[in-house]
Amino acid sequence: MAKFIQFVKADENHEGNPMYWIANKRSGDTIGQVFWYGPWHQWTCRFKEDSVWSQDCLADVREFILSL
């Protein structure tokens, strides 16, 4: 389980697949999203421009994507 972030299933889909918000556990702010990217045939992510990421949080995002 990630220490500082959580993954929340979004109400909307992207390219027919679920989309997930990446949220800061402390503030609840949305700081990114995980979504299926059809041209690459894989799960990807994008981060808000003003968010700052440690290697631990990036590893948590990677583990989440691998679990999908």
Protein backbone atom coordinates (compact mmCIF):
# COMPACT_ATOMS: atom_id res chain seq x y z
CA MET A 1 0.00 0.00 0.00
CA ALA A 2 1.30 3.42 -0.94
CA LYS A 3 2.35 5.64 1.95
CA PHE A 4 1.55 9.12 0.61
CA ILE A 5 -0.74 8.60 -2.38
CA GLN A 6 -3.91 6.71 -3.16
CA PHE A 7 -5.55 5.57 -6.36
CA VAL A 8 -9.22 6.39 -6.78
CA LYS A 9 -11.29 4.99 -9.63
CA ALA A 10 -12.73 7.88 -11.65
CA ASP A 11 -16.39 8.06 -12.61
CA GLU A 12 -15.46 8.39 -16.28
CA ASN A 13 -13.66 5.99 -18.60
CA HIS A 14 -10.92 6.60 -21.15
CA GLU A 15 -10.93 4.64 -24.41
CA GLY A 16 -13.40 2.19 -22.87
CA ASN A 17 -11.18 1.46 -19.86
CA PRO A 18 -11.38 2.68 -16.28
CA MET A 19 -9.36 5.72 -15.31
CA TYR A 20 -7.82 6.31 -11.88
CA TRP A 21 -7.02 9.56 -10.08
CA ILE A 22 -3.80 9.74 -8.09
CA ALA A 23 -4.52 11.67 -4.90
CA ASN A 24 -2.39 12.94 -2.05
CA LYS A 25 -3.53 11.04 1.06
CA ARG A 26 -3.04 14.00 3.39
CA SER A 27 -4.71 16.78 1.41
CA GLY A 28 -6.94 14.75 -0.90
CA ASP A 29 -5.69 16.83 -3.85
CA THR A 30 -5.63 15.13 -7.23
CA ILE A 31 -2.05 15.14 -8.48
CA GLY A 32 -2.22 12.83 -11.48
CA GLN A 33 -4.08 10.12 -13.29
CA VAL A 34 -3.55 6.61 -14.58
CA PHE A 35 -5.24 5.70 -17.85
CA TRP A 36 -5.10 3.29 -20.76
CA TYR A 37 -3.26 4.78 -23.75
CA GLY A 38 -4.41 3.00 -26.87
CA PRO A 39 -1.59 3.99 -29.27
CA TRP A 40 0.96 2.39 -26.91
CA HIS A 41 -1.35 -0.49 -25.84
CA GLN A 42 -0.50 0.02 -22.18
CA TRP A 43 -1.43 1.77 -18.97
CA THR A 44 0.20 5.17 -18.60
CA CYS A 45 0.10 8.12 -16.25
CA ARG A 46 0.32 11.87 -16.33
CA PHE A 47 1.04 14.20 -13.47
CA LYS A 48 -0.11 17.71 -12.65
CA GLU A 49 2.45 20.29 -13.63
CA ASP A 50 3.04 21.61 -10.11
CA SER A 51 3.27 18.20 -8.37
CA VAL A 52 6.56 16.94 -6.94
CA TRP A 53 7.38 13.23 -6.94
CA SER A 54 9.83 11.17 -4.91
CA GLN A 55 11.23 7.88 -6.14
CA ASP A 56 9.05 6.08 -3.57
CA CYS A 57 5.86 7.62 -4.93
CA LEU A 58 6.91 6.92 -8.51
CA ALA A 59 7.56 3.30 -7.50
CA ASP A 60 4.04 3.16 -6.01
CA VAL A 61 2.58 4.42 -9.30
CA ARG A 62 4.59 1.81 -11.20
CA GLU A 63 3.39 -0.99 -8.91
CA PHE A 64 -0.21 0.15 -9.33
CA ILE A 65 0.12 0.17 -13.12
CA LEU A 66 1.68 -3.30 -13.07
CA SER A 67 -1.25 -4.54 -10.96
CA LEU A 68 -3.70 -3.45 -13.66
